[in-house]
Amino acid sequence: MHIGLFGGTFNPIHSGHIRASQEVKKAFSLDKIYLIPSALPPHKKQNGIAEAKYRLEMVRLSISTDSNLYISDVELKRSGPSYTIDTVLHFKSLFPENDHFYLILGLDAFLEIDTWKSYKDLFLLASFIVMARPGVTYHRSNFKWNRLENYLKSKISRGYRFSAAKSGYVHDEKQTIYRFNTDFLDISSTNIRHRLKTGRPIRSLISKEVEDYIKTKGLYR
């Protein structure tokens, strides 16, 4: 099987996360995608992050009508910070050895991966699907991918080379880094939280179920 692992704070999960997951699953013919809320994100300030149990439930509500997406609470069950290497090793222990894993993450997050715990091992254990969101930073079509290529060669390995056939970077010893453009990440959880605090509408940004849950629990006030 081909299995995607999409981790994040999901504070809160929004329509961009769901639509991007659906597009990635279709484009890469993945059998499953697991959305994995982090308990204690080591790279984010804790202020303003809803309790893990609330974020988990919001993810559950968001994917309740999509049988192609799954949820995992593995990072919530572990004590301490949520490290991706531990999550990947957990999933690899659950599935047959021949199954292949893909880490799904945004370009901005990938460009910090050399600060992650045991990051070098990640490139041996799983492929990456790096998603780029639209925005003024990427006003030139190749600018975002030039950043990725420069980062790979300067921080990870100069052995990575671009393959047009795979639309990504291949390596003789490490896993492939795939590029993927999506329009559906141009929604910000930060903006949603700001809208909630200022009473502005969020209906087009998150599902009705999640909006109702946020209001019931009094989150992000």
N, C-alpha and C. Protein backbone atom coordinates (compact mmCIF):
# COMPACT_ATOMS: atom_id res chain seq x y z
N MET A 1 0.83 -1.20 0.00
CA MET A 1 0.00 0.00 0.00
C MET A 1 0.87 1.26 0.00
N HIS A 2 0.28 2.33 -0.46
CA HIS A 2 0.92 3.64 -0.43
C HIS A 2 0.14 4.51 0.55
N ILE A 3 0.82 4.97 1.59
CA ILE A 3 0.15 5.60 2.72
C ILE A 3 0.72 6.99 2.96
N GLY A 4 -0.16 7.98 3.01
CA GLY A 4 0.26 9.34 3.29
C GLY A 4 0.11 9.67 4.76
N LEU A 5 1.06 10.42 5.29
CA LEU A 5 1.04 10.87 6.68
C LEU A 5 1.06 12.39 6.68
N PHE A 6 -0.02 12.98 7.12
CA PHE A 6 -0.18 14.44 7.08
C PHE A 6 -0.34 14.93 8.52
N GLY A 7 0.74 15.40 9.09
CA GLY A 7 0.71 15.88 10.46
C GLY A 7 0.61 17.38 10.54
N GLY A 8 0.22 17.87 11.71
CA GLY A 8 0.14 19.31 11.89
C GLY A 8 -0.58 19.66 13.17
N THR A 9 -0.56 20.93 13.49
CA THR A 9 -1.27 21.39 14.67
C THR A 9 -2.78 21.32 14.47
N PHE A 10 -3.24 21.67 13.25
CA PHE A 10 -4.66 21.69 12.93
C PHE A 10 -5.41 22.51 13.98
N ASN A 11 -5.08 23.80 14.02
CA ASN A 11 -5.53 24.68 15.11
C ASN A 11 -6.25 25.93 14.58
N PRO A 12 -7.44 25.77 13.97
CA PRO A 12 -8.16 24.52 13.75
C PRO A 12 -7.91 23.97 12.34
N ILE A 13 -8.35 22.74 12.12
CA ILE A 13 -8.33 22.18 10.78
C ILE A 13 -9.30 22.97 9.91
N HIS A 14 -8.96 23.17 8.65
CA HIS A 14 -9.83 23.96 7.78
C HIS A 14 -9.98 23.30 6.42
N SER A 15 -10.77 23.94 5.57
CA SER A 15 -11.09 23.36 4.26
C SER A 15 -9.85 23.16 3.40
N GLY A 16 -8.85 24.01 3.57
CA GLY A 16 -7.61 23.86 2.80
C GLY A 16 -6.91 22.55 3.11
N HIS A 17 -6.87 22.16 4.38
CA HIS A 17 -6.26 20.88 4.76
C HIS A 17 -6.98 19.71 4.09
N ILE A 18 -8.31 19.77 4.12
CA ILE A 18 -9.09 18.64 3.59
C ILE A 18 -8.97 18.56 2.08
N ARG A 19 -9.13 19.68 1.40
CA ARG A 19 -9.07 19.66 -0.06
C ARG A 19 -7.67 19.29 -0.55
N ALA A 20 -6.65 19.77 0.12
CA ALA A 20 -5.29 19.41 -0.26
C ALA A 20 -5.06 17.92 -0.08
N SER A 21 -5.57 17.35 1.01
CA SER A 21 -5.45 15.90 1.25
C SER A 21 -6.11 15.12 0.14
N GLN A 22 -7.29 15.55 -0.25
CA GLN A 22 -8.02 14.85 -1.31
C GLN A 22 -7.28 14.93 -2.63
N GLU A 23 -6.71 16.10 -2.93
CA GLU A 23 -5.97 16.25 -4.19
C GLU A 23 -4.71 15.40 -4.20
N VAL A 24 -3.99 15.39 -3.07
CA VAL A 24 -2.76 14.60 -2.97
C VAL A 24 -3.09 13.11 -3.13
N LYS A 25 -4.12 12.67 -2.47
CA LYS A 25 -4.49 11.25 -2.55
C LYS A 25 -4.76 10.83 -3.99
N LYS A 26 -5.48 11.66 -4.71
CA LYS A 26 -5.80 11.36 -6.10
C LYS A 26 -4.57 11.44 -6.99
N ALA A 27 -3.78 12.48 -6.85
CA ALA A 27 -2.63 12.69 -7.73
C ALA A 27 -1.57 11.61 -7.57
N PHE A 28 -1.40 11.09 -6.35
CA PHE A 28 -0.35 10.11 -6.09
C PHE A 28 -0.90 8.69 -5.89
N SER A 29 -2.19 8.53 -6.15
CA SER A 29 -2.83 7.21 -6.04
C SER A 29 -2.55 6.56 -4.69
N LEU A 30 -2.67 7.34 -3.64
CA LEU A 30 -2.45 6.81 -2.30
C LEU A 30 -3.65 5.98 -1.85
N ASP A 31 -3.38 4.93 -1.12
CA ASP A 31 -4.46 4.09 -0.60
C ASP A 31 -5.12 4.72 0.62
N LYS A 32 -4.32 5.38 1.44
CA LYS A 32 -4.82 6.02 2.66
C LYS A 32 -4.02 7.28 2.95
N ILE A 33 -4.69 8.23 3.59
CA ILE A 33 -3.98 9.37 4.17
C ILE A 33 -4.43 9.48 5.62
N TYR A 34 -3.46 9.52 6.52
CA TYR A 34 -3.74 9.72 7.94
C TYR A 34 -3.46 11.17 8.31
N LEU A 35 -4.44 11.83 8.88
CA LEU A 35 -4.25 13.16 9.44
C LEU A 35 -3.87 12.98 10.90
N ILE A 36 -2.77 13.61 11.32
CA ILE A 36 -2.17 13.32 12.63
C ILE A 36 -1.98 14.61 13.41
N PRO A 37 -2.93 14.96 14.27
CA PRO A 37 -2.76 16.15 15.10
C PRO A 37 -1.58 15.98 16.06
N SER A 38 -0.80 17.03 16.20
CA SER A 38 0.35 16.98 17.11
C SER A 38 -0.09 17.39 18.51
N ALA A 39 0.53 16.78 19.51
CA ALA A 39 0.20 17.11 20.89
C ALA A 39 0.94 18.37 21.33
N LEU A 40 2.26 18.32 21.26
CA LEU A 40 3.09 19.46 21.63
C LEU A 40 4.02 19.76 20.46
N PRO A 41 3.62 20.61 19.52
CA PRO A 41 4.50 20.91 18.38
C PRO A 41 5.79 21.57 18.83
N PRO A 42 6.95 20.94 18.62
CA PRO A 42 8.21 21.50 19.13
C PRO A 42 8.63 22.78 18.43
N HIS A 43 8.05 23.09 17.26
CA HIS A 43 8.48 24.27 16.51
C HIS A 43 7.48 25.42 16.60
N LYS A 44 6.47 25.28 17.48
CA LYS A 44 5.47 26.34 17.57
C LYS A 44 5.29 26.78 19.02
N LYS A 45 5.00 28.07 19.20
CA LYS A 45 4.68 28.56 20.52
C LYS A 45 3.35 27.96 20.97
N GLN A 46 3.25 27.68 22.25
CA GLN A 46 2.06 27.00 22.75
C GLN A 46 0.88 27.95 22.96
N ASN A 47 1.14 29.25 23.04
CA ASN A 47 0.05 30.20 23.25
C ASN A 47 -0.94 30.15 22.09
N GLY A 48 -2.21 30.05 22.42
CA GLY A 48 -3.25 30.08 21.39
C GLY A 48 -3.55 28.74 20.76
N ILE A 49 -2.88 27.68 21.19
CA ILE A 49 -3.16 26.35 20.64
C ILE A 49 -4.21 25.67 21.50
N ALA A 50 -5.31 25.26 20.88
CA ALA A 50 -6.38 24.60 21.61
C ALA A 50 -5.89 23.26 22.16
N GLU A 51 -6.53 22.79 23.21
CA GLU A 51 -6.16 21.50 23.78
C GLU A 51 -6.21 20.42 22.71
N ALA A 52 -5.33 19.44 22.87
CA ALA A 52 -5.21 18.39 21.86
C ALA A 52 -6.52 17.66 21.63
N LYS A 53 -7.28 17.42 22.70
CA LYS A 53 -8.52 16.66 22.56
C LYS A 53 -9.53 17.40 21.68
N TYR A 54 -9.51 18.75 21.73
CA TYR A 54 -10.41 19.53 20.89
C TYR A 54 -9.96 19.50 19.43
N ARG A 55 -8.66 19.62 19.23
CA ARG A 55 -8.15 19.60 17.85
C ARG A 55 -8.36 18.23 17.21
N LEU A 56 -8.22 17.18 18.01
CA LEU A 56 -8.48 15.83 17.51
C LEU A 56 -9.93 15.68 17.08
N GLU A 57 -10.83 16.16 17.89
CA GLU A 57 -12.26 16.04 17.57
C GLU A 57 -12.62 16.87 16.34
N MET A 58 -11.99 18.02 16.17
CA MET A 58 -12.27 18.82 14.98
C MET A 58 -11.80 18.12 13.71
N VAL A 59 -10.66 17.44 13.79
CA VAL A 59 -10.22 16.65 12.64
C VAL A 59 -11.21 15.52 12.37
N ARG A 60 -11.65 14.88 13.43
CA ARG A 60 -12.60 13.77 13.27
C ARG A 60 -13.88 14.25 12.59
N LEU A 61 -14.37 15.40 13.01
CA LEU A 61 -15.58 15.96 12.41
C LEU A 61 -15.36 16.31 10.94
N SER A 62 -14.17 16.81 10.61
CA SER A 62 -13.88 17.24 9.25
C SER A 62 -13.83 16.09 8.26
N ILE A 63 -13.42 14.92 8.70
CA ILE A 63 -13.24 13.80 7.78
C ILE A 63 -14.34 12.75 7.91
N SER A 64 -15.36 13.05 8.71
CA SER A 64 -16.39 12.05 9.01
C SER A 64 -17.15 11.58 7.78
N THR A 65 -17.20 12.41 6.74
CA THR A 65 -17.93 12.03 5.53
C THR A 65 -17.01 11.63 4.39
N ASP A 66 -15.73 11.51 4.67
CA ASP A 66 -14.75 11.14 3.63
C ASP A 66 -14.07 9.83 4.03
N SER A 67 -14.46 8.75 3.38
CA SER A 67 -13.93 7.43 3.74
C SER A 67 -12.48 7.24 3.29
N ASN A 68 -11.95 8.18 2.54
CA ASN A 68 -10.56 8.07 2.06
C ASN A 68 -9.55 8.65 3.04
N LEU A 69 -10.02 9.38 4.03
CA LEU A 69 -9.14 10.02 4.99
C LEU A 69 -9.33 9.39 6.36
N TYR A 70 -8.22 9.26 7.08
CA TYR A 70 -8.23 8.62 8.39
C TYR A 70 -7.59 9.56 9.41
N ILE A 71 -7.84 9.28 10.67
CA ILE A 71 -7.26 10.08 11.74
C ILE A 71 -6.43 9.19 12.64
N SER A 72 -5.34 9.74 13.15
CA SER A 72 -4.50 9.00 14.10
C SER A 72 -4.21 9.88 15.31
N ASP A 73 -4.37 9.30 16.49
CA ASP A 73 -4.06 10.03 17.72
C ASP A 73 -2.73 9.59 18.32
N VAL A 74 -1.87 8.99 17.49
CA VAL A 74 -0.61 8.44 17.99
C VAL A 74 0.23 9.50 18.71
N GLU A 75 0.24 10.72 18.21
CA GLU A 75 1.07 11.74 18.84
C GLU A 75 0.45 12.27 20.13
N LEU A 76 -0.85 12.10 20.27
CA LEU A 76 -1.51 12.52 21.50
C LEU A 76 -1.30 11.52 22.62
N LYS A 77 -1.02 10.28 22.26
CA LYS A 77 -0.82 9.24 23.27
C LYS A 77 0.60 9.22 23.81
N ARG A 78 1.53 9.84 23.07
CA ARG A 78 2.92 9.89 23.53
C ARG A 78 3.12 11.06 24.47
N SER A 79 3.99 10.91 25.42
CA SER A 79 4.31 12.02 26.30
C SER A 79 5.40 12.88 25.66
N GLY A 80 5.40 14.14 26.00
CA GLY A 80 6.42 15.04 25.48
C GLY A 80 6.10 15.59 24.10
N PRO A 81 7.06 16.28 23.49
CA PRO A 81 6.85 16.88 22.17
C PRO A 81 6.57 15.83 21.09
N SER A 82 5.93 16.28 20.01
CA SER A 82 5.59 15.40 18.89
C SER A 82 6.69 15.46 17.85
N TYR A 83 7.42 14.38 17.69
CA TYR A 83 8.50 14.33 16.71
C TYR A 83 8.09 13.43 15.54
N THR A 84 8.29 13.94 14.34
CA THR A 84 7.88 13.21 13.14
C THR A 84 8.58 11.87 13.01
N ILE A 85 9.85 11.81 13.39
CA ILE A 85 10.59 10.55 13.26
C ILE A 85 9.92 9.44 14.07
N ASP A 86 9.43 9.77 15.27
CA ASP A 86 8.75 8.78 16.10
C ASP A 86 7.45 8.32 15.46
N THR A 87 6.75 9.24 14.83
CA THR A 87 5.49 8.91 14.18
C THR A 87 5.72 8.00 12.97
N VAL A 88 6.72 8.31 12.17
CA VAL A 88 7.01 7.47 11.01
C VAL A 88 7.39 6.06 11.45
N LEU A 89 8.22 5.95 12.45
CA LEU A 89 8.63 4.63 12.94
C LEU A 89 7.44 3.86 13.51
N HIS A 90 6.53 4.57 14.13
CA HIS A 90 5.32 3.93 14.64
C HIS A 90 4.51 3.31 13.50
N PHE A 91 4.27 4.08 12.45
CA PHE A 91 3.47 3.57 11.34
C PHE A 91 4.18 2.43 10.62
N LYS A 92 5.47 2.55 10.48
CA LYS A 92 6.20 1.48 9.80
C LYS A 92 6.15 0.18 10.60
N SER A 93 6.00 0.28 11.90
CA SER A 93 5.89 -0.93 12.73
C SER A 93 4.52 -1.58 12.61
N LEU A 94 3.53 -0.82 12.14
CA LEU A 94 2.16 -1.33 12.06
C LEU A 94 1.85 -2.00 10.72
N PHE A 95 2.57 -1.62 9.66
CA PHE A 95 2.24 -2.05 8.32
C PHE A 95 3.34 -2.97 7.77
N PRO A 96 2.97 -3.75 6.75
CA PRO A 96 3.96 -4.65 6.14
C PRO A 96 5.19 -3.89 5.63
N GLU A 97 6.30 -4.57 5.57
CA GLU A 97 7.57 -3.94 5.21
C GLU A 97 7.54 -3.34 3.81
N ASN A 98 6.76 -3.92 2.91
CA ASN A 98 6.73 -3.44 1.52
C ASN A 98 5.86 -2.20 1.33
N ASP A 99 5.06 -1.84 2.33
CA ASP A 99 4.24 -0.64 2.20
C ASP A 99 5.13 0.60 2.18
N HIS A 100 4.69 1.60 1.42
CA HIS A 100 5.51 2.80 1.26
C HIS A 100 4.80 4.00 1.86
N PHE A 101 5.57 4.83 2.56
CA PHE A 101 5.01 5.99 3.25
C PHE A 101 5.45 7.29 2.60
N TYR A 102 4.54 8.26 2.65
CA TYR A 102 4.78 9.59 2.10
C TYR A 102 4.46 10.62 3.18
N LEU A 103 5.43 11.43 3.52
CA LEU A 103 5.19 12.54 4.45
C LEU A 103 4.66 13.73 3.65
N ILE A 104 3.50 14.22 4.03
CA ILE A 104 2.85 15.32 3.33
C ILE A 104 3.00 16.58 4.17
N LEU A 105 3.59 17.61 3.59
CA LEU A 105 3.77 18.84 4.34
C LEU A 105 3.94 20.02 3.40
N GLY A 106 3.76 21.21 3.93
CA GLY A 106 3.90 22.41 3.14
C GLY A 106 5.36 22.77 2.92
N LEU A 107 5.60 23.58 1.91
CA LEU A 107 6.97 23.98 1.56
C LEU A 107 7.65 24.70 2.72
N ASP A 108 6.93 25.60 3.38
CA ASP A 108 7.55 26.36 4.47
C ASP A 108 8.03 25.43 5.58
N ALA A 109 7.25 24.42 5.89
CA ALA A 109 7.65 23.46 6.93
C ALA A 109 8.85 22.64 6.46
N PHE A 110 8.84 22.24 5.20
CA PHE A 110 9.94 21.43 4.69
C PHE A 110 11.27 22.20 4.75
N LEU A 111 11.21 23.49 4.52
CA LEU A 111 12.42 24.30 4.49
C LEU A 111 13.03 24.51 5.89
N GLU A 112 12.43 23.90 6.89
CA GLU A 112 12.99 23.92 8.25
C GLU A 112 13.35 22.53 8.72
N ILE A 113 13.31 21.56 7.84
CA ILE A 113 13.40 20.17 8.28
C ILE A 113 14.76 19.81 8.86
N ASP A 114 15.78 20.58 8.52
CA ASP A 114 17.10 20.29 9.09
C ASP A 114 17.17 20.62 10.58
N THR A 115 16.11 21.24 11.12
CA THR A 115 16.05 21.52 12.56
C THR A 115 15.26 20.44 13.31
N TRP A 116 14.72 19.47 12.57
CA TRP A 116 13.90 18.44 13.19
C TRP A 116 14.77 17.34 13.80
N LYS A 117 14.22 16.65 14.76
CA LYS A 117 14.91 15.53 15.39
C LYS A 117 15.16 14.42 14.37
N SER A 118 16.39 13.93 14.31
CA SER A 118 16.77 12.79 13.45
C SER A 118 16.29 12.98 12.01
N TYR A 119 16.39 14.20 11.52
CA TYR A 119 15.83 14.49 10.19
C TYR A 119 16.50 13.69 9.08
N LYS A 120 17.77 13.37 9.24
CA LYS A 120 18.45 12.62 8.18
C LYS A 120 17.82 11.23 7.99
N ASP A 121 17.34 10.66 9.07
CA ASP A 121 16.72 9.34 8.97
C ASP A 121 15.40 9.38 8.21
N LEU A 122 14.72 10.52 8.28
CA LEU A 122 13.44 10.64 7.58
C LEU A 122 13.60 10.42 6.07
N PHE A 123 14.72 10.86 5.52
CA PHE A 123 14.94 10.75 4.08
C PHE A 123 15.27 9.32 3.66
N LEU A 124 15.48 8.45 4.62
CA LEU A 124 15.69 7.03 4.34
C LEU A 124 14.41 6.22 4.53
N LEU A 125 13.48 6.76 5.30
CA LEU A 125 12.29 6.01 5.71
C LEU A 125 11.05 6.29 4.87
N ALA A 126 10.94 7.51 4.33
CA ALA A 126 9.70 7.90 3.64
C ALA A 126 9.98 8.90 2.54
N SER A 127 9.14 8.86 1.52
CA SER A 127 9.17 9.91 0.51
C SER A 127 8.48 11.15 1.07
N PHE A 128 8.67 12.27 0.40
CA PHE A 128 8.01 13.51 0.80
C PHE A 128 7.15 14.02 -0.34
N ILE A 129 5.99 14.53 0.00
CA ILE A 129 5.16 15.28 -0.94
C ILE A 129 5.10 16.70 -0.40
N VAL A 130 5.80 17.60 -1.08
CA VAL A 130 5.92 18.98 -0.60
C VAL A 130 4.92 19.84 -1.36
N MET A 131 3.99 20.42 -0.61
CA MET A 131 2.93 21.22 -1.21
C MET A 131 3.27 22.70 -1.11
N ALA A 132 3.01 23.42 -2.18
CA ALA A 132 3.22 24.87 -2.20
C ALA A 132 1.89 25.57 -2.31
N ARG A 133 1.70 26.51 -1.42
CA ARG A 133 0.46 27.30 -1.46
C ARG A 133 0.68 28.54 -2.32
N PRO A 134 -0.40 29.11 -2.87
CA PRO A 134 -0.27 30.35 -3.64
C PRO A 134 0.02 31.52 -2.70
N GLY A 135 0.46 32.63 -3.28
CA GLY A 135 0.73 33.80 -2.45
C GLY A 135 1.79 34.68 -3.07
N VAL A 136 1.95 35.86 -2.52
CA VAL A 136 2.87 36.83 -3.13
C VAL A 136 4.31 36.37 -3.05
N THR A 137 4.64 35.53 -2.06
CA THR A 137 6.01 35.05 -1.95
C THR A 137 6.41 34.24 -3.16
N TYR A 138 5.42 33.61 -3.79
CA TYR A 138 5.70 32.71 -4.90
C TYR A 138 5.17 33.30 -6.21
N HIS A 139 5.36 34.62 -6.39
CA HIS A 139 4.77 35.27 -7.56
C HIS A 139 5.41 34.81 -8.85
N ARG A 140 6.62 34.28 -8.80
CA ARG A 140 7.23 33.71 -10.00
C ARG A 140 7.07 32.21 -9.95
N SER A 141 6.69 31.61 -11.06
CA SER A 141 6.28 30.21 -11.07
C SER A 141 7.35 29.26 -10.55
N ASN A 142 8.61 29.55 -10.82
CA ASN A 142 9.67 28.63 -10.42
C ASN A 142 10.37 29.03 -9.12
N PHE A 143 9.99 30.18 -8.56
CA PHE A 143 10.70 30.66 -7.39
C PHE A 143 10.60 29.69 -6.22
N LYS A 144 9.40 29.18 -5.97
CA LYS A 144 9.20 28.29 -4.83
C LYS A 144 10.01 27.01 -4.98
N TRP A 145 10.07 26.49 -6.21
CA TRP A 145 10.79 25.23 -6.40
C TRP A 145 12.30 25.44 -6.45
N ASN A 146 12.73 26.63 -6.87
CA ASN A 146 14.15 26.95 -6.77
C ASN A 146 14.60 26.97 -5.31
N ARG A 147 13.74 27.48 -4.45
CA ARG A 147 14.03 27.48 -3.01
C ARG A 147 14.18 26.05 -2.51
N LEU A 148 13.28 25.19 -2.95
CA LEU A 148 13.32 23.80 -2.53
C LEU A 148 14.61 23.12 -2.99
N GLU A 149 14.95 23.32 -4.25
CA GLU A 149 16.15 22.67 -4.80
C GLU A 149 17.41 23.18 -4.10
N ASN A 150 17.49 24.48 -3.91
CA ASN A 150 18.67 25.04 -3.23
C ASN A 150 18.79 24.51 -1.81
N TYR A 151 17.66 24.39 -1.15
CA TYR A 151 17.66 23.89 0.23
C TYR A 151 18.11 22.43 0.26
N LEU A 152 17.55 21.62 -0.64
CA LEU A 152 17.92 20.21 -0.68
C LEU A 152 19.41 20.02 -0.84
N LYS A 153 19.98 20.76 -1.77
CA LYS A 153 21.39 20.56 -2.09
C LYS A 153 22.34 21.17 -1.06
N SER A 154 21.88 22.19 -0.36
CA SER A 154 22.75 22.84 0.62
C SER A 154 22.59 22.24 2.01
N LYS A 155 21.39 21.76 2.35
CA LYS A 155 21.13 21.30 3.71
C LYS A 155 20.97 19.78 3.84
N ILE A 156 20.54 19.12 2.76
CA ILE A 156 20.24 17.68 2.85
C ILE A 156 21.28 16.84 2.13
N SER A 157 21.36 16.96 0.82
CA SER A 157 22.35 16.19 0.06
C SER A 157 22.47 16.75 -1.35
N ARG A 158 23.70 16.93 -1.79
CA ARG A 158 23.91 17.39 -3.17
C ARG A 158 23.63 16.28 -4.17
N GLY A 159 23.36 15.08 -3.67
CA GLY A 159 23.04 13.97 -4.55
C GLY A 159 21.64 14.01 -5.12
N TYR A 160 20.80 14.91 -4.61
CA TYR A 160 19.45 15.03 -5.16
C TYR A 160 19.49 15.70 -6.53
N ARG A 161 18.74 15.17 -7.47
CA ARG A 161 18.65 15.73 -8.82
C ARG A 161 17.20 15.69 -9.27
N PHE A 162 16.83 16.65 -10.09
CA PHE A 162 15.43 16.76 -10.52
C PHE A 162 15.09 15.73 -11.58
N SER A 163 13.92 15.10 -11.43
CA SER A 163 13.39 14.17 -12.41
C SER A 163 12.06 14.70 -12.92
N ALA A 164 12.01 15.08 -14.19
CA ALA A 164 10.77 15.59 -14.76
C ALA A 164 9.69 14.51 -14.76
N ALA A 165 10.09 13.27 -14.95
CA ALA A 165 9.13 12.17 -14.99
C ALA A 165 8.40 12.01 -13.66
N LYS A 166 9.11 12.28 -12.56
CA LYS A 166 8.50 12.14 -11.23
C LYS A 166 8.05 13.48 -10.66
N SER A 167 8.34 14.57 -11.38
CA SER A 167 8.05 15.90 -10.88
C SER A 167 8.58 16.06 -9.45
N GLY A 168 9.83 15.66 -9.31
CA GLY A 168 10.43 15.74 -7.99
C GLY A 168 11.92 15.45 -8.06
N TYR A 169 12.51 15.30 -6.90
CA TYR A 169 13.96 15.12 -6.79
C TYR A 169 14.27 13.70 -6.34
N VAL A 170 15.13 13.05 -7.08
CA VAL A 170 15.49 11.66 -6.79
C VAL A 170 16.93 11.59 -6.30
N HIS A 171 17.24 10.49 -5.64
CA HIS A 171 18.56 10.31 -5.04
C HIS A 171 18.88 8.82 -5.11
N ASP A 172 20.13 8.49 -5.25
CA ASP A 172 20.53 7.09 -5.36
C ASP A 172 20.32 6.32 -4.06
N GLU A 173 20.34 7.01 -2.93
CA GLU A 173 20.25 6.33 -1.64
C GLU A 173 19.07 6.79 -0.78
N LYS A 174 18.55 7.95 -1.07
CA LYS A 174 17.47 8.50 -0.25
C LYS A 174 16.14 8.46 -1.01
N GLN A 175 15.06 8.70 -0.27
CA GLN A 175 13.72 8.66 -0.85
C GLN A 175 13.46 9.91 -1.70
N THR A 176 12.47 9.80 -2.57
CA THR A 176 12.13 10.87 -3.51
C THR A 176 11.40 12.01 -2.81
N ILE A 177 11.68 13.23 -3.27
CA ILE A 177 10.99 14.43 -2.80
C ILE A 177 10.11 14.92 -3.94
N TYR A 178 8.80 14.78 -3.80
CA TYR A 178 7.87 15.17 -4.86
C TYR A 178 7.40 16.61 -4.66
N ARG A 179 7.19 17.31 -5.78
CA ARG A 179 6.63 18.66 -5.74
C ARG A 179 5.15 18.57 -6.08
N PHE A 180 4.36 19.40 -5.38
CA PHE A 180 2.92 19.38 -5.66
C PHE A 180 2.33 20.77 -5.45
N ASN A 181 1.71 21.28 -6.49
CA ASN A 181 1.03 22.58 -6.40
C ASN A 181 -0.42 22.38 -5.98
N THR A 182 -0.86 23.15 -5.01
CA THR A 182 -2.26 23.10 -4.62
C THR A 182 -2.76 24.51 -4.37
N ASP A 183 -3.99 24.76 -4.75
CA ASP A 183 -4.62 26.06 -4.49
C ASP A 183 -5.33 26.08 -3.15
N PHE A 184 -5.45 24.92 -2.53
CA PHE A 184 -6.34 24.82 -1.38
C PHE A 184 -5.66 25.02 -0.04
N LEU A 185 -4.37 25.39 -0.05
CA LEU A 185 -3.71 25.69 1.22
C LEU A 185 -3.70 27.18 1.51
N ASP A 186 -4.33 27.97 0.64
CA ASP A 186 -4.30 29.41 0.83
C ASP A 186 -5.37 29.84 1.84
N ILE A 187 -5.46 29.07 2.91
CA ILE A 187 -6.33 29.38 4.04
C ILE A 187 -5.47 29.25 5.27
N SER A 188 -5.55 30.20 6.16
CA SER A 188 -4.67 30.22 7.31
C SER A 188 -5.46 29.95 8.59
N SER A 189 -4.97 29.01 9.40
CA SER A 189 -5.59 28.79 10.71
C SER A 189 -5.47 30.04 11.56
N THR A 190 -4.37 30.78 11.40
CA THR A 190 -4.20 32.02 12.15
C THR A 190 -5.28 33.02 11.79
N ASN A 191 -5.58 33.13 10.50
CA ASN A 191 -6.63 34.04 10.05
C ASN A 191 -7.99 33.61 10.57
N ILE A 192 -8.24 32.31 10.59
CA ILE A 192 -9.52 31.80 11.11
C ILE A 192 -9.66 32.17 12.59
N ARG A 193 -8.60 31.97 13.37
CA ARG A 193 -8.66 32.32 14.79
C ARG A 193 -8.91 33.81 14.98
N HIS A 194 -8.28 34.62 14.14
CA HIS A 194 -8.48 36.07 14.22
C HIS A 194 -9.93 36.42 13.88
N ARG A 195 -10.46 35.78 12.87
CA ARG A 195 -11.86 36.04 12.49
C ARG A 195 -12.81 35.66 13.63
N LEU A 196 -12.53 34.56 14.28
CA LEU A 196 -13.39 34.14 15.39
C LEU A 196 -13.36 35.15 16.53
N LYS A 197 -12.17 35.68 16.80
CA LYS A 197 -12.04 36.65 17.89
C LYS A 197 -12.73 37.96 17.57
N THR A 198 -12.79 38.30 16.28
CA THR A 198 -13.38 39.58 15.88
C THR A 198 -14.79 39.45 15.35
N GLY A 199 -15.35 38.23 15.43
CA GLY A 199 -16.74 38.03 15.03
C GLY A 199 -16.98 38.02 13.54
N ARG A 200 -15.95 37.79 12.75
CA ARG A 200 -16.13 37.76 11.30
C ARG A 200 -16.49 36.36 10.85
N PRO A 201 -17.16 36.20 9.70
CA PRO A 201 -17.62 34.88 9.24
C PRO A 201 -16.48 33.95 8.85
N ILE A 202 -16.67 32.66 9.11
CA ILE A 202 -15.65 31.66 8.75
C ILE A 202 -16.27 30.49 8.00
N ARG A 203 -17.55 30.57 7.66
CA ARG A 203 -18.29 29.44 7.09
C ARG A 203 -17.62 28.86 5.85
N SER A 204 -17.02 29.69 5.00
CA SER A 204 -16.40 29.18 3.78
C SER A 204 -15.02 28.58 4.04
N LEU A 205 -14.51 28.75 5.25
CA LEU A 205 -13.15 28.32 5.55
C LEU A 205 -13.07 27.00 6.30
N ILE A 206 -14.09 26.67 7.05
CA ILE A 206 -14.14 25.40 7.78
C ILE A 206 -15.53 24.80 7.63
N SER A 207 -15.66 23.54 7.97
CA SER A 207 -16.95 22.87 7.83
C SER A 207 -17.92 23.39 8.89
N LYS A 208 -19.21 23.24 8.62
CA LYS A 208 -20.22 23.68 9.58
C LYS A 208 -20.08 22.92 10.89
N GLU A 209 -19.75 21.61 10.78
CA GLU A 209 -19.61 20.80 11.99
C GLU A 209 -18.50 21.33 12.90
N VAL A 210 -17.38 21.72 12.28
CA VAL A 210 -16.26 22.25 13.06
C VAL A 210 -16.61 23.63 13.62
N GLU A 211 -17.27 24.44 12.83
CA GLU A 211 -17.68 25.77 13.32
C GLU A 211 -18.61 25.63 14.52
N ASP A 212 -19.58 24.73 14.44
CA ASP A 212 -20.51 24.52 15.55
C ASP A 212 -19.77 24.01 16.79
N TYR A 213 -18.78 23.13 16.56
CA TYR A 213 -18.02 22.58 17.68
C TYR A 213 -17.21 23.67 18.36
N ILE A 214 -16.58 24.53 17.58
CA ILE A 214 -15.79 25.64 18.13
C ILE A 214 -16.67 26.53 19.00
N LYS A 215 -17.87 26.83 18.50
CA LYS A 215 -18.77 27.70 19.25
C LYS A 215 -19.27 27.01 20.52
N THR A 216 -19.57 25.71 20.42
CA THR A 216 -20.06 24.98 21.59
C THR A 216 -19.01 24.93 22.70
N LYS A 217 -17.75 24.75 22.31
CA LYS A 217 -16.67 24.61 23.29
C LYS A 217 -16.06 25.97 23.67
N GLY A 218 -16.48 27.03 22.97
CA GLY A 218 -15.94 28.35 23.28
C GLY A 218 -14.46 28.50 22.96
N LEU A 219 -14.03 27.90 21.85
CA LEU A 219 -12.61 27.93 21.48
C LEU A 219 -12.25 29.23 20.75
N TYR A 220 -11.00 29.63 20.88
CA TYR A 220 -10.40 30.74 20.14
C TYR A 220 -11.07 32.09 20.40
N ARG A 221 -11.54 32.29 21.61
CA ARG A 221 -12.15 33.58 21.93
C ARG A 221 -11.08 34.59 22.34
